Amino acid sequence: MSDVFADQAPVHATGEPAIVGAGPWALAWRRLVRNRVAMVMVVVLALIVGLCLAAPLYAHHVARTDPFQSHLDATTVVNGKKVPVMQASTSGLGLGVTPIGPTWDPRHYFLGADDQGRDVAARLLYGGRNSLLIGAAAALITCILATIIGLVAGFFGGVVDGVLSRFLDVIWAFPVYLLAISLSTVLIAKGFSIGPFRLESGSLFLPIAIIGVVYIPYVARPIRGEVLSLRRREFVEAAIGLGASTWRILWSDILRNVVTTAIVFFPLMVAIDMLTEAALSFLSIGVQEPNASWGTIILDGQGLLYTRPAVALAPGIAIALTVLALNVLGDGIRDALDPRAKLRRTD
């Protein structure tokens, strides 16, 4: 019977012939590659990540500036003329100084300076490194812990499910930003220690851990529901009847069927975590000095919105592009891993 079906070329509901002999991961990869919009977003993300990783090269060899030191008395070159970075104010009574605006010269304050005379373009690239790191690391923590909790709660049920579900309910009961702000206010002010390990208030792992924890219920609940459904499927009951060990069933039969859900959640959680980090940093309870992120740069530009809007607009546009790319890529990954979902949406 299996030989008969192997000789036939199945056809998807979309009208495209299926690839005979290819595994599910290979099929998903080919579907993703054929999604042109998703591939464009991959290129956009790769470009953003590449530029951010090149931050030291740009700051030290192109702009030749230290984006973490004040340059109130520095000068730069604009149209072949040497001008001060902090220029005399021309508004109101003419008191105070205003940072130089964008010169569009990569070697001399391409996006202008902030209120400390620091190169905004260099800080934007350095800030992107931290924003991307926090978003990806927090999303990884969320997806791993949520998958473990969802697996254990959904498979074992009973008291285990009750305890873990109540734990998720407690976190779920708090508005996510309120919980993140509360944890950040307490932990970043005093630091955090577990036994011999201590995290100082300026450590990047603090916002990573805080953001990673507060979003666990949003991923664990769908995974738990999927495990509950799989737990009653025939192949799982057959494995139990054949005497397979609990860990073998969890690893081979359950986890392999829910890991795709965690993979789909990952790029979406990276986008959400980056937005959360930007919000916390804007409130001065996220990334701390001397580190920078896109959220802290927006905070630096808050007082310059009317005179030098590029300081706040540049990181805002970077966040918007990155989040858009991650969300579109997440949709593409979902369609690749579960093409039936795309068919249901077109009904």
Protein backbone atom coordinates (compact mmCIF):
# COMPACT_ATOMS: atom_id res chain seq x y z
CA MET A 1 0.00 0.00 0.00
CA SER A 2 2.78 2.43 0.86
CA ASP A 3 4.48 1.72 -2.52
CA VAL A 4 1.30 2.69 -4.34
CA PHE A 5 1.12 6.06 -2.61
CA ALA A 6 4.85 6.62 -3.06
CA ASP A 7 4.48 6.43 -6.84
CA GLN A 8 1.84 9.13 -6.89
CA ALA A 9 2.69 12.83 -6.85
CA PRO A 10 0.35 14.44 -4.31
CA VAL A 11 -0.97 17.89 -5.00
CA HIS A 12 -1.55 20.60 -2.38
CA ALA A 13 -4.88 22.39 -2.17
CA THR A 14 -3.12 25.42 -3.68
CA GLY A 15 -2.67 23.47 -6.92
CA GLU A 16 1.11 23.13 -6.55
CA PRO A 17 2.59 19.60 -6.67
CA ALA A 18 4.07 18.43 -3.39
CA ILE A 19 7.76 17.55 -3.17
CA VAL A 20 7.87 13.77 -2.81
CA GLY A 21 10.43 12.39 -0.39
CA ALA A 22 11.22 15.69 1.34
CA GLY A 23 10.92 15.92 5.10
CA PRO A 24 8.61 18.43 6.84
CA TRP A 25 11.48 20.79 7.69
CA ALA A 26 12.74 20.77 4.10
CA LEU A 27 9.21 21.46 2.85
CA ALA A 28 8.81 24.32 5.31
CA TRP A 29 12.13 25.82 4.25
CA ARG A 30 11.16 25.68 0.57
CA ARG A 31 7.81 27.32 1.29
CA LEU A 32 9.57 30.07 3.23
CA VAL A 33 12.10 30.66 0.46
CA ARG A 34 9.28 30.97 -2.08
CA ASN A 35 7.66 33.67 0.07
CA ARG A 36 9.19 36.76 -1.54
CA VAL A 37 7.88 39.20 1.05
CA ALA A 38 9.38 37.14 3.89
CA MET A 39 12.70 36.93 2.04
CA VAL A 40 12.74 40.72 1.60
CA MET A 41 12.23 41.05 5.36
CA VAL A 42 15.11 38.63 5.95
CA VAL A 43 17.33 40.89 3.85
CA VAL A 44 16.13 43.96 5.79
CA LEU A 45 16.86 42.25 9.11
CA ALA A 46 20.26 41.07 7.92
CA LEU A 47 21.10 44.61 6.83
CA ILE A 48 20.03 46.08 10.18
CA VAL A 49 21.93 43.46 12.17
CA GLY A 50 25.01 43.87 9.97
CA LEU A 51 25.05 47.64 10.39
CA CYS A 52 24.65 47.35 14.15
CA LEU A 53 27.45 44.80 14.40
CA ALA A 54 29.66 47.20 12.45
CA ALA A 55 29.14 49.94 15.05
CA PRO A 56 32.76 49.87 16.35
CA LEU A 57 34.12 50.05 12.81
CA TYR A 58 31.94 53.04 11.97
CA ALA A 59 32.64 54.90 15.22
CA HIS A 60 36.40 54.35 15.31
CA HIS A 61 37.37 54.31 11.63
CA VAL A 62 34.73 56.37 9.81
CA ALA A 63 33.22 58.90 12.21
CA ARG A 64 36.30 58.78 14.47
CA THR A 65 34.34 59.58 17.60
CA ASP A 66 33.48 58.08 20.96
CA PRO A 67 29.66 57.94 21.14
CA PHE A 68 29.72 57.47 24.92
CA GLN A 69 31.69 60.60 25.81
CA SER A 70 30.44 64.20 25.85
CA HIS A 71 31.85 66.46 23.12
CA LEU A 72 30.48 69.84 24.13
CA ASP A 73 33.59 71.68 22.96
CA ALA A 74 34.24 69.59 19.84
CA THR A 75 34.26 70.83 16.26
CA THR A 76 33.44 69.14 12.98
CA VAL A 77 33.63 69.85 9.26
CA VAL A 78 30.60 70.90 7.23
CA ASN A 79 31.05 71.81 3.55
CA GLY A 80 34.78 72.16 4.09
CA LYS A 81 34.40 74.56 7.02
CA LYS A 82 35.17 73.82 10.65
CA VAL A 83 32.12 74.47 12.85
CA PRO A 84 31.35 73.80 16.51
CA VAL A 85 29.25 70.75 17.34
CA MET A 86 27.24 72.75 19.88
CA GLN A 87 26.07 75.91 18.15
CA ALA A 88 24.62 79.06 19.67
CA SER A 89 20.85 78.97 19.86
CA THR A 90 19.01 81.13 17.32
CA SER A 91 15.54 80.77 18.84
CA GLY A 92 13.93 82.86 21.54
CA LEU A 93 16.40 85.03 23.41
CA GLY A 94 19.34 83.23 21.81
CA LEU A 95 20.42 81.70 25.09
CA GLY A 96 22.05 78.30 25.34
CA VAL A 97 23.31 76.05 22.60
CA THR A 98 21.79 73.69 20.04
CA PRO A 99 23.54 70.55 18.78
CA ILE A 100 24.47 70.42 15.13
CA GLY A 101 21.89 68.88 12.81
CA PRO A 102 22.38 66.12 10.24
CA THR A 103 25.26 66.79 7.87
CA TRP A 104 24.57 63.66 5.74
CA ASP A 105 28.32 63.11 5.70
CA PRO A 106 29.13 59.70 7.21
CA ARG A 107 32.48 61.04 8.47
CA HIS A 108 31.10 64.07 10.30
CA TYR A 109 27.92 63.69 12.36
CA PHE A 110 25.81 62.02 9.69
CA LEU A 111 22.60 62.32 11.78
CA GLY A 112 23.78 65.25 13.86
CA ALA A 113 24.55 65.36 17.57
CA ASP A 114 22.53 65.02 20.77
CA ASP A 115 22.50 67.43 23.70
CA GLN A 116 25.89 66.09 24.85
CA GLY A 117 27.55 66.56 21.47
CA ARG A 118 27.64 62.80 20.81
CA ASP A 119 27.35 61.42 17.28
CA VAL A 120 23.76 60.21 16.87
CA ALA A 121 24.58 57.83 14.00
CA ALA A 122 27.28 56.04 16.02
CA ARG A 123 25.02 55.84 19.07
CA LEU A 124 22.20 54.54 16.87
CA LEU A 125 24.33 51.60 15.74
CA TYR A 126 25.60 50.85 19.25
CA GLY A 127 22.08 51.18 20.63
CA GLY A 128 20.80 48.78 18.00
CA ARG A 129 23.26 46.13 19.17
CA ASN A 130 21.81 46.27 22.68
CA SER A 131 18.19 46.50 21.54
CA LEU A 132 18.57 43.49 19.25
CA LEU A 133 20.49 41.54 21.90
CA ILE A 134 17.88 42.21 24.58
CA GLY A 135 15.00 41.41 22.24
CA ALA A 136 16.49 38.14 20.97
CA ALA A 137 17.76 36.95 24.36
CA ALA A 138 14.51 37.78 26.16
CA ALA A 139 12.49 36.05 23.43
CA LEU A 140 14.72 32.98 23.71
CA ILE A 141 14.21 32.85 27.48
CA THR A 142 10.46 33.28 27.05
CA CYS A 143 10.13 30.56 24.41
CA ILE A 144 12.32 28.03 26.24
CA LEU A 145 10.69 28.47 29.66
CA ALA A 146 7.20 28.69 28.17
CA THR A 147 7.75 25.48 26.19
CA ILE A 148 8.96 23.62 29.28
CA ILE A 149 6.08 24.88 31.43
CA GLY A 150 3.51 24.19 28.71
CA LEU A 151 4.85 20.66 28.14
CA VAL A 152 4.89 19.71 31.82
CA ALA A 153 1.54 21.30 32.65
CA GLY A 154 -0.30 19.92 29.63
CA PHE A 155 1.14 16.40 29.76
CA PHE A 156 1.06 15.61 33.48
CA GLY A 157 -2.12 17.50 34.33
CA GLY A 158 -3.61 17.22 37.82
CA VAL A 159 -1.77 19.01 40.62
CA VAL A 160 1.20 19.83 38.41
CA ASP A 161 -1.02 21.52 35.87
CA GLY A 162 -2.92 23.32 38.63
CA VAL A 163 0.20 24.75 40.26
CA LEU A 164 1.81 25.83 36.99
CA SER A 165 -1.43 27.27 35.64
CA ARG A 166 -1.95 29.33 38.80
CA PHE A 167 1.62 30.60 38.49
CA LEU A 168 0.88 31.69 34.94
CA ASP A 169 -2.39 33.27 36.07
CA VAL A 170 -0.57 35.37 38.67
CA ILE A 171 1.77 36.78 36.02
CA TRP A 172 -1.10 37.12 33.55
CA ALA A 173 -3.17 39.10 36.06
CA PHE A 174 -0.75 42.04 35.96
CA PRO A 175 -0.74 44.39 32.97
CA VAL A 176 2.48 43.45 31.25
CA TYR A 177 3.99 46.94 31.20
CA LEU A 178 3.00 47.60 34.82
CA LEU A 179 4.66 44.35 35.91
CA ALA A 180 7.78 45.08 33.84
CA ILE A 181 8.01 48.62 35.22
CA SER A 182 7.57 47.40 38.81
CA LEU A 183 10.26 44.73 38.47
CA SER A 184 12.61 47.11 36.69
CA THR A 185 12.18 49.82 39.31
CA VAL A 186 13.04 47.44 42.15
CA LEU A 187 15.78 45.33 40.54
CA ILE A 188 17.59 48.00 38.54
CA ALA A 189 17.72 50.31 41.55
CA LYS A 190 19.25 47.69 43.89
CA GLY A 191 20.68 45.05 41.61
CA PHE A 192 19.93 41.36 41.99
CA SER A 193 21.82 38.50 43.61
CA ILE A 194 21.36 34.73 43.80
CA GLY A 195 23.92 33.09 46.07
CA PRO A 196 27.40 33.96 44.80
CA PHE A 197 26.02 35.52 41.61
CA ARG A 198 25.17 39.21 41.58
CA LEU A 199 23.91 41.41 38.80
CA GLU A 200 24.65 45.09 39.07
CA SER A 201 22.04 47.69 38.16
CA GLY A 202 23.76 48.45 34.84
CA SER A 203 23.85 44.84 33.65
CA LEU A 204 22.03 44.15 30.40
CA PHE A 205 20.89 40.79 31.76
CA LEU A 206 18.45 42.52 34.13
CA PRO A 207 16.17 43.89 31.39
CA ILE A 208 16.64 40.63 29.48
CA ALA A 209 15.46 38.58 32.47
CA ILE A 210 12.60 40.93 33.36
CA ILE A 211 11.21 41.10 29.83
CA GLY A 212 11.74 37.39 29.28
CA VAL A 213 9.75 36.46 32.40
CA VAL A 214 6.75 38.77 32.02
CA TYR A 215 5.83 37.33 28.61
CA ILE A 216 6.01 33.64 29.58
CA PRO A 217 2.22 33.19 30.00
CA TYR A 218 1.57 34.58 26.52
CA VAL A 219 3.52 31.71 24.98
CA ALA A 220 3.03 28.99 27.61
CA ARG A 221 -0.77 29.03 27.44
CA PRO A 222 -1.03 28.24 23.70
CA ILE A 223 1.63 25.54 24.02
CA ARG A 224 -0.17 24.02 27.03
CA GLY A 225 -3.42 23.92 25.06
CA GLU A 226 -1.69 22.21 22.15
CA VAL A 227 -0.10 19.64 24.48
CA LEU A 228 -3.52 18.92 26.03
CA SER A 229 -4.83 18.20 22.53
CA LEU A 230 -1.84 16.03 21.60
CA ARG A 231 -2.08 14.15 24.90
CA ARG A 232 -5.39 12.64 23.74
CA ARG A 233 -4.21 11.75 20.24
CA GLU A 234 -4.05 8.12 19.17
CA PHE A 235 -0.30 7.98 18.58
CA VAL A 236 0.42 9.21 22.12
CA GLU A 237 -2.03 6.73 23.65
CA ALA A 238 -0.46 3.98 21.53
CA ALA A 239 3.01 4.91 22.79
CA ILE A 240 1.76 4.81 26.37
CA GLY A 241 0.13 1.44 25.72
CA LEU A 242 3.38 0.07 24.32
CA GLY A 243 5.16 1.03 27.54
CA ALA A 244 7.21 3.94 26.26
CA SER A 245 8.79 6.02 29.01
CA THR A 246 7.35 9.41 29.92
CA TRP A 247 10.45 11.30 28.79
CA ARG A 248 10.55 9.42 25.50
CA ILE A 249 6.93 10.42 24.81
CA LEU A 250 7.60 14.01 25.81
CA TRP A 251 10.70 14.25 23.64
CA SER A 252 9.71 12.23 20.57
CA ASP A 253 5.94 12.59 20.35
CA ILE A 254 4.96 15.82 22.10
CA LEU A 255 7.91 18.21 21.86
CA ARG A 256 8.48 17.62 18.15
CA ASN A 257 4.88 18.57 17.47
CA VAL A 258 4.86 21.77 19.54
CA VAL A 259 8.34 23.07 18.75
CA THR A 260 6.98 24.63 15.56
CA THR A 261 4.64 26.75 17.68
CA ALA A 262 7.60 28.04 19.70
CA ILE A 263 9.52 28.76 16.49
CA VAL A 264 6.60 30.79 15.12
CA PHE A 265 6.37 32.72 18.39
CA PHE A 266 10.09 33.56 18.48
CA PRO A 267 10.31 36.37 15.87
CA LEU A 268 7.04 37.83 17.13
CA MET A 269 8.34 37.85 20.70
CA VAL A 270 11.60 39.47 19.57
CA ALA A 271 9.56 42.33 18.12
CA ILE A 272 7.41 42.67 21.25
CA ASP A 273 10.44 42.48 23.53
CA MET A 274 12.21 45.22 21.59
CA LEU A 275 9.18 47.48 21.97
CA THR A 276 9.03 46.71 25.69
CA GLU A 277 12.74 47.43 26.11
CA ALA A 278 12.35 50.72 24.28
CA ALA A 279 9.47 51.69 26.56
CA LEU A 280 11.39 50.79 29.72
CA SER A 281 14.53 52.57 28.54
CA PHE A 282 12.49 55.65 27.64
CA LEU A 283 11.31 55.66 31.26
CA SER A 284 14.96 55.35 32.44
CA ILE A 285 14.33 51.91 33.98
CA GLY A 286 15.67 49.79 31.15
CA VAL A 287 19.17 50.03 29.70
CA GLN A 288 21.35 52.15 31.97
CA GLU A 289 24.30 54.41 31.22
CA PRO A 290 26.95 54.07 29.90
CA ASN A 291 25.12 51.56 27.70
CA ALA A 292 22.75 52.78 25.02
CA SER A 293 19.69 51.40 23.24
CA TRP A 294 17.18 52.77 20.79
CA GLY A 295 14.90 53.58 23.71
CA THR A 296 17.55 55.61 25.55
CA ILE A 297 18.36 57.54 22.36
CA ILE A 298 14.68 58.46 21.97
CA LEU A 299 14.79 59.70 25.56
CA ASP A 300 17.89 61.78 24.75
CA GLY A 301 16.05 63.35 21.84
CA GLN A 302 12.85 64.12 23.71
CA GLY A 303 13.95 67.67 24.52
CA LEU A 304 15.21 68.25 20.97
CA LEU A 305 12.07 67.32 19.05
CA TYR A 306 11.48 70.87 17.81
CA THR A 307 15.09 71.78 17.02
CA ARG A 308 16.82 68.48 16.17
CA PRO A 309 14.06 65.89 15.55
CA ALA A 310 16.51 63.45 13.92
CA VAL A 311 17.84 62.48 17.36
CA ALA A 312 14.50 60.88 18.30
CA LEU A 313 13.20 60.04 14.83
CA ALA A 314 16.20 57.93 13.77
CA PRO A 315 15.85 55.28 16.54
CA GLY A 316 12.06 55.41 16.20
CA ILE A 317 12.31 54.59 12.49
CA ALA A 318 14.85 51.85 13.25
CA ILE A 319 12.48 50.26 15.78
CA ALA A 320 9.55 50.49 13.36
CA LEU A 321 11.49 48.87 10.49
CA THR A 322 12.85 46.09 12.69
CA VAL A 323 9.49 45.30 14.28
CA LEU A 324 7.76 45.35 10.88
CA ALA A 325 10.36 42.99 9.42
CA LEU A 326 10.08 40.61 12.38
CA ASN A 327 6.29 40.51 12.25
CA VAL A 328 6.17 39.87 8.50
CA LEU A 329 8.88 37.23 8.84
CA GLY A 330 6.91 35.62 11.68
CA ASP A 331 3.85 35.42 9.43
CA GLY A 332 5.98 33.86 6.71
CA ILE A 333 7.38 31.26 9.10
CA ARG A 334 3.87 30.42 10.30
CA ASP A 335 2.65 29.95 6.73
CA ALA A 336 5.69 27.80 5.94
CA LEU A 337 5.31 25.55 8.96
CA ASP A 338 1.51 25.32 8.74
CA PRO A 339 0.32 25.94 5.16
CA ARG A 340 -3.22 24.92 6.18
CA ALA A 341 -3.45 28.11 8.25
CA LYS A 342 -2.98 30.12 5.04
CA LEU A 343 -5.68 28.10 3.33
CA ARG A 344 -8.09 28.71 6.23
CA ARG A 345 -7.53 32.46 6.03
CA THR A 346 -8.43 32.53 2.33
CA ASP A 347 -11.73 30.67 2.83
